[in-house]
């Protein structure tokens, strides 16, 4: 087992590095929860280069407290689908007690290929 950790590639998290693996796991769990709801309609072909960045605020229970588009894709219809998929996936997984946070704010990047 290798103990070297390359911190350069992990996104910066507030509140020390000890929870970064947990943060990443939770982030992945949230993205995985929303993914099945993020089904784009086949009637319209969306540009694969589209990206909508959404800031989601999640309460301890996993309830979505706030959703804000930080960066629009420029396609209003696409942005609507992104927001609808988050609404449909609500509630999200509850915040793990080990993270010791009352609420989490996370940015999710939605492109037609998936959620990053």
N, C-alpha and C. Protein backbone atom coordinates (compact mmCIF):
# COMPACT_ATOMS: atom_id res chain seq x y z
N UNK A 1 0.84 -1.20 0.00
CA UNK A 1 0.00 0.00 0.00
C UNK A 1 0.87 1.24 0.00
N UNK A 2 0.58 2.15 -0.90
CA UNK A 2 1.40 3.36 -0.97
C UNK A 2 0.81 4.44 -0.07
N UNK A 3 1.68 5.13 0.63
CA UNK A 3 1.20 6.16 1.55
C UNK A 3 1.43 7.56 0.99
N UNK A 4 1.98 7.65 -0.21
CA UNK A 4 2.19 8.97 -0.80
C UNK A 4 0.87 9.55 -1.25
N UNK A 5 0.61 10.77 -0.86
CA UNK A 5 -0.62 11.41 -1.28
C UNK A 5 -0.28 12.61 -2.14
N UNK A 6 -0.84 12.63 -3.33
CA UNK A 6 -0.60 13.79 -4.19
C UNK A 6 -1.76 14.76 -4.01
N UNK A 7 -1.52 15.78 -3.20
CA UNK A 7 -2.57 16.72 -2.85
C UNK A 7 -2.84 17.72 -3.97
N UNK A 8 -1.95 17.78 -4.95
CA UNK A 8 -2.09 18.78 -6.01
C UNK A 8 -3.34 18.55 -6.86
N UNK A 9 -3.74 17.29 -7.02
CA UNK A 9 -4.85 17.00 -7.92
C UNK A 9 -6.23 17.06 -7.24
N UNK A 10 -6.25 17.06 -5.91
CA UNK A 10 -7.55 17.07 -5.23
C UNK A 10 -8.04 18.50 -5.07
N UNK A 11 -9.35 18.71 -5.24
CA UNK A 11 -9.89 20.07 -5.09
C UNK A 11 -9.75 20.55 -3.66
N UNK A 12 -9.52 21.83 -3.50
CA UNK A 12 -9.33 22.40 -2.17
C UNK A 12 -10.62 22.33 -1.37
N UNK A 13 -10.52 21.87 -0.13
CA UNK A 13 -11.71 21.82 0.72
C UNK A 13 -11.43 22.67 1.95
N UNK A 14 -12.47 23.32 2.45
CA UNK A 14 -12.30 24.16 3.63
C UNK A 14 -12.21 23.27 4.87
N UNK A 15 -11.40 23.71 5.82
CA UNK A 15 -11.39 23.05 7.12
C UNK A 15 -10.42 21.90 7.25
N UNK A 16 -9.21 22.07 6.71
CA UNK A 16 -8.18 21.06 6.93
C UNK A 16 -8.27 19.89 5.98
N UNK A 17 -7.18 19.16 5.82
CA UNK A 17 -7.12 18.10 4.82
C UNK A 17 -7.60 16.75 5.30
N UNK A 18 -7.83 16.59 6.62
CA UNK A 18 -8.16 15.27 7.15
C UNK A 18 -9.47 14.72 6.59
N UNK A 19 -10.40 15.60 6.24
CA UNK A 19 -11.69 15.11 5.75
C UNK A 19 -11.77 15.10 4.23
N UNK A 20 -10.64 15.42 3.55
CA UNK A 20 -10.73 15.56 2.10
C UNK A 20 -11.19 14.27 1.41
N UNK A 21 -10.77 13.12 1.92
CA UNK A 21 -11.21 11.86 1.31
C UNK A 21 -12.71 11.67 1.53
N UNK A 22 -13.18 12.01 2.74
CA UNK A 22 -14.61 11.94 3.03
C UNK A 22 -15.39 12.92 2.18
N UNK A 23 -14.85 14.13 2.04
CA UNK A 23 -15.49 15.14 1.19
C UNK A 23 -15.64 14.62 -0.23
N UNK A 24 -14.56 14.03 -0.73
CA UNK A 24 -14.56 13.52 -2.10
C UNK A 24 -15.57 12.38 -2.25
N UNK A 25 -15.66 11.53 -1.22
CA UNK A 25 -16.62 10.42 -1.24
C UNK A 25 -18.05 10.94 -1.24
N UNK A 26 -18.28 11.95 -0.42
CA UNK A 26 -19.63 12.53 -0.33
C UNK A 26 -20.00 13.21 -1.65
N UNK A 27 -19.04 13.95 -2.19
CA UNK A 27 -19.22 14.63 -3.47
C UNK A 27 -19.60 13.61 -4.55
N UNK A 28 -18.88 12.49 -4.56
CA UNK A 28 -19.15 11.42 -5.54
C UNK A 28 -20.54 10.82 -5.32
N UNK A 29 -20.93 10.68 -4.05
CA UNK A 29 -22.24 10.11 -3.73
C UNK A 29 -23.36 11.03 -4.21
N UNK A 30 -23.15 12.34 -4.05
CA UNK A 30 -24.14 13.32 -4.50
C UNK A 30 -24.27 13.29 -6.03
N UNK A 31 -23.13 13.29 -6.71
CA UNK A 31 -23.14 13.25 -8.18
C UNK A 31 -23.82 11.97 -8.67
N UNK A 32 -23.53 10.85 -7.99
CA UNK A 32 -24.12 9.56 -8.38
C UNK A 32 -25.63 9.55 -8.15
N UNK A 33 -26.08 10.27 -7.14
CA UNK A 33 -27.51 10.35 -6.83
C UNK A 33 -28.24 11.17 -7.90
N UNK A 34 -27.61 12.25 -8.37
CA UNK A 34 -28.26 13.12 -9.35
C UNK A 34 -28.20 12.53 -10.76
N UNK A 35 -27.12 11.82 -11.06
CA UNK A 35 -26.88 11.32 -12.41
C UNK A 35 -28.08 10.63 -13.09
N UNK A 36 -28.77 9.68 -12.42
CA UNK A 36 -29.90 9.03 -13.10
C UNK A 36 -31.04 9.97 -13.46
N UNK A 37 -31.13 11.11 -12.77
CA UNK A 37 -32.21 12.07 -13.05
C UNK A 37 -31.81 13.03 -14.17
N UNK A 38 -30.53 13.01 -14.49
CA UNK A 38 -30.01 13.93 -15.49
C UNK A 38 -30.07 13.26 -16.87
N UNK A 39 -31.31 13.11 -17.36
CA UNK A 39 -31.54 12.47 -18.65
C UNK A 39 -31.97 13.55 -19.64
N UNK A 40 -31.13 13.83 -20.60
CA UNK A 40 -31.48 14.85 -21.58
C UNK A 40 -32.44 14.26 -22.60
N UNK A 41 -33.43 15.05 -23.03
CA UNK A 41 -34.41 14.55 -23.99
C UNK A 41 -33.77 14.30 -25.35
N UNK A 42 -34.26 13.27 -26.03
CA UNK A 42 -33.67 12.93 -27.31
C UNK A 42 -34.20 13.80 -28.45
N UNK A 43 -35.26 14.59 -28.18
CA UNK A 43 -35.83 15.43 -29.23
C UNK A 43 -34.83 16.51 -29.67
N UNK A 44 -33.98 16.92 -28.74
CA UNK A 44 -33.04 17.99 -29.07
C UNK A 44 -31.62 17.47 -28.88
N UNK A 45 -30.75 17.85 -29.79
CA UNK A 45 -29.35 17.47 -29.64
C UNK A 45 -28.62 18.62 -28.98
N UNK A 46 -28.04 18.34 -27.82
CA UNK A 46 -27.31 19.38 -27.11
C UNK A 46 -25.83 19.32 -27.47
N UNK A 47 -25.23 20.46 -27.58
CA UNK A 47 -23.81 20.56 -27.86
C UNK A 47 -23.03 19.89 -26.72
N UNK A 48 -22.21 18.89 -27.01
CA UNK A 48 -21.47 18.20 -25.95
C UNK A 48 -20.52 19.11 -25.18
N UNK A 49 -20.24 20.28 -25.73
CA UNK A 49 -19.33 21.22 -25.07
C UNK A 49 -20.03 22.07 -24.01
N UNK A 50 -21.37 21.96 -23.92
CA UNK A 50 -22.11 22.75 -22.94
C UNK A 50 -21.67 22.40 -21.52
N UNK A 51 -21.53 23.42 -20.69
CA UNK A 51 -21.22 23.19 -19.28
C UNK A 51 -22.03 24.18 -18.44
N UNK A 52 -22.77 23.64 -17.47
CA UNK A 52 -23.46 24.48 -16.50
C UNK A 52 -22.85 24.17 -15.15
N UNK A 53 -22.41 25.20 -14.44
CA UNK A 53 -21.88 24.99 -13.09
C UNK A 53 -22.92 25.46 -12.09
N UNK A 54 -23.30 24.55 -11.21
CA UNK A 54 -24.33 24.84 -10.22
C UNK A 54 -23.74 24.70 -8.82
N UNK A 55 -24.05 25.67 -7.98
CA UNK A 55 -23.66 25.60 -6.56
C UNK A 55 -24.88 25.11 -5.79
N UNK A 56 -24.71 23.96 -5.13
CA UNK A 56 -25.81 23.39 -4.35
C UNK A 56 -25.46 23.50 -2.87
N UNK A 57 -26.43 23.97 -2.08
CA UNK A 57 -26.25 23.99 -0.63
C UNK A 57 -27.09 22.86 -0.06
N UNK A 58 -26.44 21.97 0.68
CA UNK A 58 -27.11 20.77 1.21
C UNK A 58 -27.12 20.80 2.73
N UNK A 59 -28.30 20.57 3.32
CA UNK A 59 -28.42 20.48 4.78
C UNK A 59 -27.98 19.11 5.27
N UNK A 60 -27.81 18.98 6.58
CA UNK A 60 -27.38 17.73 7.20
C UNK A 60 -28.18 16.53 6.72
N UNK A 61 -29.50 16.72 6.58
CA UNK A 61 -30.38 15.61 6.19
C UNK A 61 -30.27 15.23 4.72
N UNK A 62 -29.55 16.06 3.95
CA UNK A 62 -29.44 15.81 2.52
C UNK A 62 -30.41 16.66 1.72
N UNK A 63 -31.20 17.44 2.43
CA UNK A 63 -32.17 18.33 1.78
C UNK A 63 -31.42 19.45 1.04
N UNK A 64 -31.85 19.72 -0.18
CA UNK A 64 -31.24 20.82 -0.94
C UNK A 64 -31.82 22.14 -0.44
N UNK A 65 -30.97 22.97 0.16
CA UNK A 65 -31.42 24.24 0.73
C UNK A 65 -31.40 25.34 -0.32
N UNK A 66 -30.47 25.23 -1.25
CA UNK A 66 -30.32 26.28 -2.25
C UNK A 66 -29.63 25.74 -3.48
N UNK A 67 -30.06 26.22 -4.63
CA UNK A 67 -29.44 25.85 -5.90
C UNK A 67 -29.21 27.14 -6.67
N UNK A 68 -27.99 27.35 -7.09
CA UNK A 68 -27.65 28.57 -7.79
C UNK A 68 -26.80 28.26 -9.00
N UNK A 69 -27.17 28.82 -10.14
CA UNK A 69 -26.32 28.64 -11.32
C UNK A 69 -25.18 29.64 -11.21
N UNK A 70 -23.96 29.10 -11.11
CA UNK A 70 -22.79 29.97 -11.00
C UNK A 70 -22.31 30.34 -12.40
N UNK A 71 -22.44 29.39 -13.32
CA UNK A 71 -21.99 29.64 -14.67
C UNK A 71 -22.97 28.97 -15.63
N UNK A 72 -23.67 29.79 -16.41
CA UNK A 72 -24.67 29.26 -17.33
C UNK A 72 -24.00 28.67 -18.56
N UNK A 73 -24.66 27.69 -19.16
CA UNK A 73 -24.13 27.08 -20.37
C UNK A 73 -24.38 27.97 -21.58
N UNK A 74 -25.28 28.94 -21.41
CA UNK A 74 -25.66 29.78 -22.53
C UNK A 74 -26.89 29.24 -23.24
N UNK A 75 -27.30 28.02 -22.84
CA UNK A 75 -28.50 27.40 -23.40
C UNK A 75 -29.52 27.31 -22.26
N UNK A 76 -30.53 28.17 -22.31
CA UNK A 76 -31.50 28.27 -21.22
C UNK A 76 -32.22 26.95 -20.97
N UNK A 77 -32.54 26.24 -22.03
CA UNK A 77 -33.25 24.97 -21.90
C UNK A 77 -32.38 23.95 -21.18
N UNK A 78 -31.12 23.91 -21.56
CA UNK A 78 -30.17 22.98 -20.93
C UNK A 78 -30.03 23.30 -19.45
N UNK A 79 -29.88 24.59 -19.13
CA UNK A 79 -29.78 25.00 -17.72
C UNK A 79 -31.00 24.54 -16.93
N UNK A 80 -32.20 24.64 -17.55
CA UNK A 80 -33.43 24.20 -16.89
C UNK A 80 -33.38 22.70 -16.59
N UNK A 81 -32.87 21.91 -17.53
CA UNK A 81 -32.77 20.47 -17.31
C UNK A 81 -31.84 20.16 -16.15
N UNK A 82 -30.76 20.92 -16.06
CA UNK A 82 -29.81 20.72 -14.96
C UNK A 82 -30.51 20.97 -13.62
N UNK A 83 -31.22 22.11 -13.52
CA UNK A 83 -31.91 22.44 -12.26
C UNK A 83 -33.01 21.43 -11.94
N UNK A 84 -33.74 21.00 -12.96
CA UNK A 84 -34.80 20.01 -12.75
C UNK A 84 -34.24 18.68 -12.26
N UNK A 85 -33.08 18.29 -12.76
CA UNK A 85 -32.50 17.01 -12.33
C UNK A 85 -32.08 17.06 -10.87
N UNK A 86 -31.63 18.24 -10.41
CA UNK A 86 -31.26 18.39 -9.00
C UNK A 86 -32.52 18.33 -8.13
N UNK A 87 -33.57 19.03 -8.57
CA UNK A 87 -34.85 18.99 -7.85
C UNK A 87 -35.39 17.58 -7.75
N UNK A 88 -35.31 16.85 -8.85
CA UNK A 88 -35.84 15.48 -8.88
C UNK A 88 -35.05 14.55 -7.98
N UNK A 89 -33.77 14.83 -7.80
CA UNK A 89 -32.90 13.97 -6.98
C UNK A 89 -32.99 14.31 -5.49
N UNK A 90 -33.64 15.42 -5.16
CA UNK A 90 -33.77 15.87 -3.78
C UNK A 90 -34.71 14.93 -3.00
N UNK A 91 -34.40 14.47 -1.78
CA UNK A 91 -33.19 14.81 -1.03
C UNK A 91 -31.96 14.01 -1.51
N UNK A 92 -30.82 14.61 -1.32
CA UNK A 92 -29.54 13.99 -1.66
C UNK A 92 -29.06 13.17 -0.46
N UNK A 93 -27.96 12.45 -0.61
CA UNK A 93 -27.48 11.69 0.56
C UNK A 93 -27.19 12.62 1.73
N UNK A 94 -27.55 12.21 2.96
CA UNK A 94 -27.28 13.07 4.12
C UNK A 94 -25.78 13.28 4.31
N UNK A 95 -25.43 14.40 4.89
CA UNK A 95 -24.01 14.69 5.14
C UNK A 95 -23.47 13.71 6.18
N UNK A 96 -22.39 13.01 5.89
CA UNK A 96 -21.83 12.05 6.87
C UNK A 96 -21.43 12.78 8.16
N UNK A 97 -21.82 12.22 9.33
CA UNK A 97 -21.49 12.86 10.61
C UNK A 97 -19.99 13.14 10.75
N UNK A 98 -19.16 12.29 10.15
CA UNK A 98 -17.71 12.46 10.25
C UNK A 98 -17.24 13.78 9.64
N UNK A 99 -18.02 14.34 8.74
CA UNK A 99 -17.64 15.63 8.14
C UNK A 99 -17.88 16.79 9.09
N UNK A 100 -18.71 16.54 10.12
CA UNK A 100 -19.01 17.56 11.14
C UNK A 100 -19.39 18.90 10.51
N UNK A 101 -20.31 18.87 9.58
CA UNK A 101 -20.78 20.10 8.94
C UNK A 101 -22.29 20.13 8.97
N UNK A 102 -22.85 21.29 9.26
CA UNK A 102 -24.30 21.47 9.28
C UNK A 102 -24.84 21.58 7.87
N UNK A 103 -24.04 22.19 7.01
CA UNK A 103 -24.43 22.28 5.60
C UNK A 103 -23.18 22.30 4.74
N UNK A 104 -23.36 21.85 3.55
CA UNK A 104 -22.23 21.80 2.62
C UNK A 104 -22.63 22.54 1.36
N UNK A 105 -21.69 23.30 0.84
CA UNK A 105 -21.91 23.98 -0.42
C UNK A 105 -20.96 23.33 -1.41
N UNK A 106 -21.50 22.83 -2.50
CA UNK A 106 -20.60 22.22 -3.48
C UNK A 106 -20.95 22.65 -4.89
N UNK A 107 -19.93 22.74 -5.70
CA UNK A 107 -20.13 23.10 -7.09
C UNK A 107 -20.14 21.84 -7.93
N UNK A 108 -21.15 21.69 -8.75
CA UNK A 108 -21.21 20.54 -9.66
C UNK A 108 -21.20 21.06 -11.09
N UNK A 109 -20.45 20.36 -11.92
CA UNK A 109 -20.33 20.74 -13.33
C UNK A 109 -21.15 19.76 -14.15
N UNK A 110 -22.16 20.26 -14.82
CA UNK A 110 -23.01 19.42 -15.65
C UNK A 110 -22.67 19.63 -17.12
N UNK A 111 -22.23 18.55 -17.78
CA UNK A 111 -22.07 18.63 -19.22
C UNK A 111 -22.90 17.48 -19.79
N UNK A 112 -23.29 17.55 -21.07
CA UNK A 112 -24.16 16.49 -21.62
C UNK A 112 -23.59 15.07 -21.40
N UNK A 113 -22.29 14.97 -21.21
CA UNK A 113 -21.68 13.66 -20.98
C UNK A 113 -21.80 13.18 -19.54
N UNK A 114 -22.20 14.06 -18.64
CA UNK A 114 -22.31 13.63 -17.25
C UNK A 114 -22.01 14.73 -16.26
N UNK A 115 -21.92 14.34 -14.98
CA UNK A 115 -21.70 15.30 -13.89
C UNK A 115 -20.29 15.12 -13.37
N UNK A 116 -19.58 16.23 -13.23
CA UNK A 116 -18.21 16.15 -12.73
C UNK A 116 -18.06 16.92 -11.43
